[in-house]
Amino acid sequence: MLPPLPQNAITIGAQADDWRGAVRLAGDALARSGAATPAFAEEMIRVIEEFGPYVVIAPGLALAHARPGPETLADGLSVVTLATPVSFGHAHNDPVSVVLGLSATNSDGHIAGVAGLANVFNDAGAISRLAAATSADEVLAIMKQGERES
């Protein structure tokens, strides 16, 4: 099951200078939706700096996240599409054009959120459809379709 994805957690055609900027956009969207504090973006960046670009989970797709902590207010999801893809330093899946932000208040919510997203992205075309989306409604439809088909 997907975490909540409100319209105000979706950003279409954003500009980011680098992967840190792209992750900040995903964190900002989570903060806008009330799922995280503004500090959550920096925590997601810290995790990537520590563990590397493992968050780039498929060609063109990054799943930015961090452990549950004081920066997480609720389970939530954000979707950011980038006008110009950015490199995270992943050997096979760069450049990234879609960045998902995931916040979870506990480990069970984190695992459930990742599992729900895995179902959506079983459809190999979902990433390119998200990257090409022109509205939040279109993003929501793509995500719901993927969840239903799983």
N, C-alpha and C. Protein backbone atom coordinates (compact mmCIF):
# COMPACT_ATOMS: atom_id res chain seq x y z
N MET A 1 0.84 -1.19 0.00
CA MET A 1 0.00 0.00 0.00
C MET A 1 0.88 1.24 0.00
N LEU A 2 0.54 2.18 -0.86
CA LEU A 2 1.31 3.41 -0.95
C LEU A 2 1.04 4.33 0.24
N PRO A 3 2.07 5.04 0.67
CA PRO A 3 1.83 6.10 1.67
C PRO A 3 0.99 7.21 1.03
N PRO A 4 0.40 8.07 1.85
CA PRO A 4 -0.38 9.18 1.29
C PRO A 4 0.46 10.04 0.35
N LEU A 5 -0.15 10.43 -0.77
CA LEU A 5 0.49 11.31 -1.76
C LEU A 5 -0.49 12.42 -2.11
N PRO A 6 -0.52 13.48 -1.28
CA PRO A 6 -1.42 14.60 -1.60
C PRO A 6 -0.87 15.42 -2.77
N GLN A 7 -1.76 16.15 -3.42
CA GLN A 7 -1.34 16.95 -4.58
C GLN A 7 -0.24 17.94 -4.24
N ASN A 8 -0.24 18.49 -3.02
CA ASN A 8 0.78 19.48 -2.70
C ASN A 8 2.15 18.84 -2.43
N ALA A 9 2.24 17.52 -2.54
CA ALA A 9 3.53 16.82 -2.42
C ALA A 9 4.07 16.42 -3.79
N ILE A 10 3.49 16.98 -4.85
CA ILE A 10 3.92 16.67 -6.21
C ILE A 10 4.46 17.95 -6.85
N THR A 11 5.65 17.84 -7.42
CA THR A 11 6.29 18.96 -8.11
C THR A 11 6.64 18.50 -9.52
N ILE A 12 6.16 19.23 -10.51
CA ILE A 12 6.34 18.85 -11.92
C ILE A 12 7.36 19.77 -12.59
N GLY A 13 8.30 19.17 -13.34
CA GLY A 13 9.22 19.95 -14.17
C GLY A 13 10.15 20.86 -13.38
N ALA A 14 10.60 20.40 -12.22
CA ALA A 14 11.46 21.22 -11.36
C ALA A 14 12.88 21.30 -11.91
N GLN A 15 13.58 22.33 -11.48
CA GLN A 15 14.99 22.51 -11.83
C GLN A 15 15.83 22.22 -10.59
N ALA A 16 16.86 21.40 -10.76
CA ALA A 16 17.81 21.13 -9.68
C ALA A 16 19.21 21.15 -10.27
N ASP A 17 20.14 21.78 -9.56
CA ASP A 17 21.51 21.85 -10.05
C ASP A 17 22.25 20.53 -9.91
N ASP A 18 21.86 19.73 -8.92
CA ASP A 18 22.54 18.47 -8.66
C ASP A 18 21.61 17.57 -7.85
N TRP A 19 22.12 16.40 -7.47
CA TRP A 19 21.26 15.45 -6.75
C TRP A 19 20.82 16.01 -5.39
N ARG A 20 21.68 16.78 -4.75
CA ARG A 20 21.28 17.35 -3.45
C ARG A 20 20.08 18.29 -3.63
N GLY A 21 20.12 19.10 -4.66
CA GLY A 21 18.99 19.98 -4.95
C GLY A 21 17.72 19.21 -5.25
N ALA A 22 17.86 18.09 -5.98
CA ALA A 22 16.70 17.27 -6.30
C ALA A 22 16.11 16.64 -5.03
N VAL A 23 16.98 16.18 -4.14
CA VAL A 23 16.50 15.59 -2.88
C VAL A 23 15.85 16.66 -2.00
N ARG A 24 16.42 17.87 -2.01
CA ARG A 24 15.80 18.96 -1.24
C ARG A 24 14.39 19.25 -1.75
N LEU A 25 14.20 19.20 -3.06
CA LEU A 25 12.87 19.41 -3.62
C LEU A 25 11.88 18.35 -3.12
N ALA A 26 12.33 17.10 -3.07
CA ALA A 26 11.47 16.02 -2.56
C ALA A 26 11.17 16.23 -1.08
N GLY A 27 12.18 16.67 -0.32
CA GLY A 27 11.98 16.95 1.10
C GLY A 27 11.07 18.14 1.32
N ASP A 28 11.23 19.18 0.50
CA ASP A 28 10.36 20.35 0.60
C ASP A 28 8.90 19.95 0.35
N ALA A 29 8.70 19.06 -0.62
CA ALA A 29 7.33 18.61 -0.92
C ALA A 29 6.74 17.82 0.24
N LEU A 30 7.56 16.99 0.90
CA LEU A 30 7.08 16.27 2.08
C LEU A 30 6.73 17.25 3.20
N ALA A 31 7.55 18.28 3.37
CA ALA A 31 7.28 19.29 4.40
C ALA A 31 5.99 20.05 4.08
N ARG A 32 5.80 20.41 2.80
CA ARG A 32 4.58 21.11 2.38
C ARG A 32 3.34 20.30 2.72
N SER A 33 3.45 18.99 2.58
CA SER A 33 2.28 18.12 2.81
C SER A 33 2.05 17.83 4.29
N GLY A 34 3.01 18.21 5.14
CA GLY A 34 2.86 17.95 6.57
C GLY A 34 3.41 16.62 7.02
N ALA A 35 4.05 15.87 6.11
CA ALA A 35 4.58 14.55 6.47
C ALA A 35 5.94 14.62 7.16
N ALA A 36 6.65 15.75 6.98
CA ALA A 36 7.99 15.88 7.55
C ALA A 36 8.26 17.34 7.86
N THR A 37 9.29 17.55 8.66
CA THR A 37 9.75 18.91 8.91
C THR A 37 10.70 19.31 7.79
N PRO A 38 10.97 20.59 7.63
CA PRO A 38 11.93 21.01 6.61
C PRO A 38 13.32 20.37 6.78
N ALA A 39 13.67 19.98 7.99
CA ALA A 39 14.99 19.37 8.23
C ALA A 39 15.10 17.96 7.64
N PHE A 40 13.98 17.35 7.27
CA PHE A 40 14.02 15.99 6.73
C PHE A 40 14.82 15.93 5.43
N ALA A 41 14.76 16.96 4.62
CA ALA A 41 15.53 16.97 3.36
C ALA A 41 17.02 16.80 3.64
N GLU A 42 17.53 17.51 4.62
CA GLU A 42 18.96 17.41 4.94
C GLU A 42 19.30 16.04 5.51
N GLU A 43 18.36 15.43 6.21
CA GLU A 43 18.60 14.08 6.72
C GLU A 43 18.67 13.08 5.57
N MET A 44 17.81 13.23 4.56
CA MET A 44 17.87 12.35 3.39
C MET A 44 19.20 12.53 2.67
N ILE A 45 19.67 13.75 2.54
CA ILE A 45 20.96 14.02 1.90
C ILE A 45 22.09 13.38 2.70
N ARG A 46 22.03 13.50 4.02
CA ARG A 46 23.07 12.92 4.86
C ARG A 46 23.15 11.40 4.66
N VAL A 47 22.01 10.74 4.55
CA VAL A 47 21.98 9.30 4.34
C VAL A 47 22.66 8.93 3.02
N ILE A 48 22.38 9.68 1.97
CA ILE A 48 23.00 9.39 0.66
C ILE A 48 24.50 9.67 0.72
N GLU A 49 24.89 10.74 1.38
CA GLU A 49 26.32 11.03 1.52
C GLU A 49 27.03 9.90 2.28
N GLU A 50 26.35 9.33 3.27
CA GLU A 50 26.96 8.26 4.07
C GLU A 50 26.98 6.92 3.34
N PHE A 51 25.88 6.57 2.69
CA PHE A 51 25.75 5.22 2.13
C PHE A 51 25.87 5.15 0.61
N GLY A 52 25.93 6.29 -0.05
CA GLY A 52 26.07 6.29 -1.50
C GLY A 52 24.74 6.31 -2.22
N PRO A 53 24.79 6.22 -3.54
CA PRO A 53 23.58 6.41 -4.37
C PRO A 53 22.69 5.18 -4.49
N TYR A 54 22.63 4.36 -3.43
CA TYR A 54 21.76 3.18 -3.46
C TYR A 54 20.29 3.57 -3.64
N VAL A 55 19.95 4.83 -3.40
CA VAL A 55 18.57 5.29 -3.53
C VAL A 55 18.12 5.36 -4.99
N VAL A 56 19.06 5.26 -5.92
CA VAL A 56 18.70 5.25 -7.34
C VAL A 56 18.34 3.80 -7.66
N ILE A 57 17.05 3.49 -7.55
CA ILE A 57 16.59 2.11 -7.52
C ILE A 57 16.26 1.53 -8.89
N ALA A 58 16.19 2.37 -9.90
CA ALA A 58 15.89 1.92 -11.27
C ALA A 58 16.38 3.02 -12.21
N PRO A 59 16.55 2.71 -13.49
CA PRO A 59 16.99 3.75 -14.41
C PRO A 59 16.06 4.96 -14.37
N GLY A 60 16.63 6.11 -14.00
CA GLY A 60 15.87 7.36 -13.98
C GLY A 60 15.08 7.62 -12.72
N LEU A 61 15.14 6.73 -11.71
CA LEU A 61 14.29 6.84 -10.52
C LEU A 61 15.11 6.75 -9.24
N ALA A 62 14.93 7.76 -8.37
CA ALA A 62 15.55 7.73 -7.05
C ALA A 62 14.46 7.75 -5.98
N LEU A 63 14.69 6.99 -4.92
CA LEU A 63 13.78 6.94 -3.77
C LEU A 63 14.54 7.47 -2.56
N ALA A 64 14.43 8.77 -2.33
CA ALA A 64 15.10 9.41 -1.21
C ALA A 64 14.30 9.16 0.07
N HIS A 65 15.01 8.81 1.13
CA HIS A 65 14.35 8.52 2.39
C HIS A 65 15.38 8.58 3.51
N ALA A 66 14.90 8.50 4.72
CA ALA A 66 15.75 8.44 5.91
C ALA A 66 14.99 7.67 6.97
N ARG A 67 15.71 7.25 7.97
CA ARG A 67 15.08 6.50 9.07
C ARG A 67 14.03 7.37 9.77
N PRO A 68 13.03 6.71 10.35
CA PRO A 68 12.07 7.46 11.17
C PRO A 68 12.81 8.22 12.28
N GLY A 69 12.43 9.44 12.49
CA GLY A 69 13.07 10.26 13.52
C GLY A 69 12.24 11.49 13.80
N PRO A 70 12.82 12.44 14.52
CA PRO A 70 12.05 13.63 14.89
C PRO A 70 11.63 14.48 13.69
N GLU A 71 12.29 14.28 12.53
CA GLU A 71 11.94 15.05 11.33
C GLU A 71 10.71 14.48 10.62
N THR A 72 10.31 13.25 10.97
CA THR A 72 9.16 12.62 10.31
C THR A 72 7.91 12.83 11.16
N LEU A 73 6.91 13.41 10.55
CA LEU A 73 5.66 13.72 11.26
C LEU A 73 4.55 12.74 10.93
N ALA A 74 4.61 12.14 9.74
CA ALA A 74 3.58 11.19 9.29
C ALA A 74 4.16 10.37 8.15
N ASP A 75 3.52 9.25 7.86
CA ASP A 75 3.90 8.50 6.67
C ASP A 75 3.49 9.34 5.46
N GLY A 76 4.38 9.47 4.51
CA GLY A 76 4.06 10.28 3.35
C GLY A 76 4.97 10.01 2.18
N LEU A 77 4.54 10.48 1.04
CA LEU A 77 5.26 10.31 -0.21
C LEU A 77 5.25 11.63 -0.95
N SER A 78 6.35 11.91 -1.65
CA SER A 78 6.38 13.06 -2.57
C SER A 78 6.92 12.58 -3.90
N VAL A 79 6.54 13.26 -4.96
CA VAL A 79 7.03 12.96 -6.31
C VAL A 79 7.51 14.26 -6.92
N VAL A 80 8.76 14.24 -7.39
CA VAL A 80 9.34 15.39 -8.08
C VAL A 80 9.82 14.92 -9.44
N THR A 81 9.34 15.58 -10.50
CA THR A 81 9.89 15.31 -11.82
C THR A 81 10.82 16.46 -12.17
N LEU A 82 11.93 16.13 -12.80
CA LEU A 82 12.96 17.12 -13.11
C LEU A 82 12.94 17.48 -14.59
N ALA A 83 13.02 18.75 -14.87
CA ALA A 83 13.07 19.21 -16.26
C ALA A 83 14.36 18.72 -16.92
N THR A 84 15.44 18.71 -16.15
CA THR A 84 16.73 18.20 -16.63
C THR A 84 17.21 17.15 -15.63
N PRO A 85 17.41 15.92 -16.07
CA PRO A 85 17.85 14.87 -15.15
C PRO A 85 19.19 15.21 -14.50
N VAL A 86 19.40 14.66 -13.30
CA VAL A 86 20.65 14.87 -12.56
C VAL A 86 21.30 13.52 -12.26
N SER A 87 22.60 13.56 -12.06
CA SER A 87 23.36 12.37 -11.72
C SER A 87 23.52 12.25 -10.21
N PHE A 88 23.29 11.05 -9.71
CA PHE A 88 23.51 10.74 -8.30
C PHE A 88 24.84 10.00 -8.10
N GLY A 89 25.48 9.62 -9.20
CA GLY A 89 26.71 8.85 -9.10
C GLY A 89 26.49 7.35 -9.12
N HIS A 90 25.31 6.92 -9.58
CA HIS A 90 25.01 5.49 -9.68
C HIS A 90 25.58 4.94 -10.98
N ALA A 91 26.23 3.80 -10.91
CA ALA A 91 26.92 3.24 -12.07
C ALA A 91 25.99 2.86 -13.21
N HIS A 92 24.74 2.49 -12.92
CA HIS A 92 23.86 1.97 -13.96
C HIS A 92 22.58 2.75 -14.17
N ASN A 93 22.07 3.43 -13.16
CA ASN A 93 20.72 3.99 -13.22
C ASN A 93 20.65 5.50 -13.39
N ASP A 94 21.79 6.18 -13.47
CA ASP A 94 21.79 7.62 -13.73
C ASP A 94 21.53 7.87 -15.20
N PRO A 95 21.10 9.04 -15.59
CA PRO A 95 20.67 10.15 -14.75
C PRO A 95 19.24 9.94 -14.25
N VAL A 96 18.87 10.68 -13.21
CA VAL A 96 17.57 10.56 -12.57
C VAL A 96 16.66 11.70 -13.02
N SER A 97 15.45 11.34 -13.42
CA SER A 97 14.46 12.35 -13.82
C SER A 97 13.26 12.38 -12.89
N VAL A 98 13.10 11.34 -12.05
CA VAL A 98 12.01 11.29 -11.08
C VAL A 98 12.59 10.98 -9.71
N VAL A 99 12.30 11.85 -8.74
CA VAL A 99 12.75 11.64 -7.37
C VAL A 99 11.52 11.49 -6.48
N LEU A 100 11.46 10.37 -5.80
CA LEU A 100 10.41 10.15 -4.81
C LEU A 100 11.00 10.45 -3.44
N GLY A 101 10.21 11.06 -2.58
CA GLY A 101 10.59 11.25 -1.19
C GLY A 101 9.67 10.39 -0.34
N LEU A 102 10.23 9.66 0.62
CA LEU A 102 9.44 8.79 1.47
C LEU A 102 9.72 9.11 2.93
N SER A 103 8.67 9.41 3.68
CA SER A 103 8.81 9.58 5.12
C SER A 103 7.96 8.52 5.80
N ALA A 104 8.47 7.99 6.90
CA ALA A 104 7.74 6.99 7.67
C ALA A 104 8.00 7.23 9.14
N THR A 105 6.96 7.07 9.94
CA THR A 105 7.08 7.32 11.37
C THR A 105 7.61 6.11 12.13
N ASN A 106 7.61 4.94 11.48
CA ASN A 106 8.16 3.74 12.11
C ASN A 106 8.66 2.78 11.05
N SER A 107 9.39 1.76 11.46
CA SER A 107 9.99 0.83 10.51
C SER A 107 8.95 0.08 9.70
N ASP A 108 7.83 -0.29 10.31
CA ASP A 108 6.78 -1.00 9.57
C ASP A 108 6.23 -0.13 8.45
N GLY A 109 6.02 1.15 8.74
CA GLY A 109 5.53 2.07 7.71
C GLY A 109 6.54 2.24 6.58
N HIS A 110 7.81 2.24 6.94
CA HIS A 110 8.88 2.37 5.94
C HIS A 110 8.86 1.16 5.00
N ILE A 111 8.79 -0.03 5.58
CA ILE A 111 8.79 -1.26 4.77
C ILE A 111 7.54 -1.33 3.90
N ALA A 112 6.40 -0.98 4.47
CA ALA A 112 5.15 -1.01 3.70
C ALA A 112 5.19 0.00 2.56
N GLY A 113 5.76 1.17 2.81
CA GLY A 113 5.86 2.19 1.76
C GLY A 113 6.74 1.73 0.61
N VAL A 114 7.89 1.14 0.94
CA VAL A 114 8.80 0.64 -0.10
C VAL A 114 8.13 -0.48 -0.89
N ALA A 115 7.42 -1.37 -0.19
CA ALA A 115 6.73 -2.47 -0.87
C ALA A 115 5.66 -1.94 -1.82
N GLY A 116 4.90 -0.95 -1.37
CA GLY A 116 3.88 -0.36 -2.23
C GLY A 116 4.47 0.28 -3.47
N LEU A 117 5.60 0.96 -3.29
CA LEU A 117 6.28 1.57 -4.44
C LEU A 117 6.83 0.52 -5.39
N ALA A 118 7.34 -0.57 -4.84
CA ALA A 118 7.85 -1.65 -5.70
C ALA A 118 6.74 -2.16 -6.61
N ASN A 119 5.53 -2.25 -6.08
CA ASN A 119 4.41 -2.70 -6.91
C ASN A 119 4.15 -1.73 -8.05
N VAL A 120 4.18 -0.44 -7.77
CA VAL A 120 3.95 0.56 -8.82
C VAL A 120 4.99 0.43 -9.92
N PHE A 121 6.25 0.24 -9.52
CA PHE A 121 7.33 0.26 -10.51
C PHE A 121 7.67 -1.11 -11.07
N ASN A 122 6.81 -2.11 -10.79
CA ASN A 122 6.89 -3.36 -11.53
C ASN A 122 6.61 -3.10 -13.00
N ASP A 123 5.85 -2.06 -13.26
CA ASP A 123 5.54 -1.62 -14.63
C ASP A 123 6.72 -0.78 -15.12
N ALA A 124 7.47 -1.33 -16.05
CA ALA A 124 8.69 -0.66 -16.53
C ALA A 124 8.41 0.70 -17.14
N GLY A 125 7.19 0.94 -17.64
CA GLY A 125 6.87 2.21 -18.26
C GLY A 125 6.46 3.30 -17.29
N ALA A 126 6.29 2.95 -16.01
CA ALA A 126 5.80 3.93 -15.04
C ALA A 126 6.77 5.11 -14.87
N ILE A 127 8.06 4.84 -14.89
CA ILE A 127 9.04 5.92 -14.68
C ILE A 127 8.97 6.93 -15.83
N SER A 128 8.95 6.44 -17.05
CA SER A 128 8.91 7.37 -18.19
C SER A 128 7.58 8.13 -18.23
N ARG A 129 6.49 7.48 -17.83
CA ARG A 129 5.20 8.18 -17.80
C ARG A 129 5.21 9.27 -16.72
N LEU A 130 5.80 8.97 -15.56
CA LEU A 130 5.91 9.99 -14.52
C LEU A 130 6.79 11.15 -15.00
N ALA A 131 7.91 10.83 -15.61
CA ALA A 131 8.84 11.88 -16.08
C ALA A 131 8.16 12.80 -17.09
N ALA A 132 7.22 12.25 -17.86
CA ALA A 132 6.54 13.03 -18.90
C ALA A 132 5.25 13.69 -18.41
N ALA A 133 4.85 13.40 -17.18
CA ALA A 133 3.59 13.93 -16.65
C ALA A 133 3.62 15.46 -16.63
N THR A 134 2.47 16.05 -16.91
CA THR A 134 2.39 17.51 -16.95
C THR A 134 1.50 18.08 -15.85
N SER A 135 0.95 17.20 -14.99
CA SER A 135 0.10 17.70 -13.91
C SER A 135 0.15 16.75 -12.73
N ALA A 136 -0.20 17.28 -11.56
CA ALA A 136 -0.27 16.44 -10.36
C ALA A 136 -1.33 15.36 -10.52
N ASP A 137 -2.44 15.69 -11.18
CA ASP A 137 -3.49 14.69 -11.40
C ASP A 137 -2.96 13.52 -12.22
N GLU A 138 -2.14 13.81 -13.21
CA GLU A 138 -1.57 12.75 -14.04
C GLU A 138 -0.63 11.87 -13.21
N VAL A 139 0.17 12.48 -12.36
CA VAL A 139 1.06 11.71 -11.48
C VAL A 139 0.23 10.80 -10.58
N LEU A 140 -0.80 11.35 -9.97
CA LEU A 140 -1.66 10.54 -9.09
C LEU A 140 -2.28 9.37 -9.84
N ALA A 141 -2.72 9.59 -11.06
CA ALA A 141 -3.33 8.53 -11.85
C ALA A 141 -2.32 7.43 -12.16
N ILE A 142 -1.09 7.79 -12.50
CA ILE A 142 -0.04 6.81 -12.78
C ILE A 142 0.26 5.97 -11.53
N MET A 143 0.37 6.64 -10.39
CA MET A 143 0.68 5.94 -9.15
C MET A 143 -0.46 5.02 -8.75
N LYS A 144 -1.70 5.48 -8.88
CA LYS A 144 -2.85 4.64 -8.51
C LYS A 144 -3.00 3.46 -9.45
N GLN A 145 -2.74 3.69 -10.74
CA GLN A 145 -2.83 2.60 -11.71
C GLN A 145 -1.83 1.50 -11.35
N GLY A 146 -0.60 1.89 -11.04
CA GLY A 146 0.42 0.93 -10.68
C GLY A 146 0.08 0.16 -9.41
N GLU A 147 -0.53 0.86 -8.46
CA GLU A 147 -0.91 0.21 -7.21
C GLU A 147 -2.04 -0.81 -7.46
N ARG A 148 -2.99 -0.44 -8.32
CA ARG A 148 -4.12 -1.34 -8.63
C ARG A 148 -3.66 -2.58 -9.37
N GLU A 149 -2.68 -2.42 -10.25
CA GLU A 149 -2.25 -3.54 -11.10
C GLU A 149 -1.39 -4.54 -10.34
N SER A 150 -0.98 -4.20 -9.14
CA SER A 150 -0.10 -5.09 -8.40
C SER A 150 -0.88 -6.19 -7.71
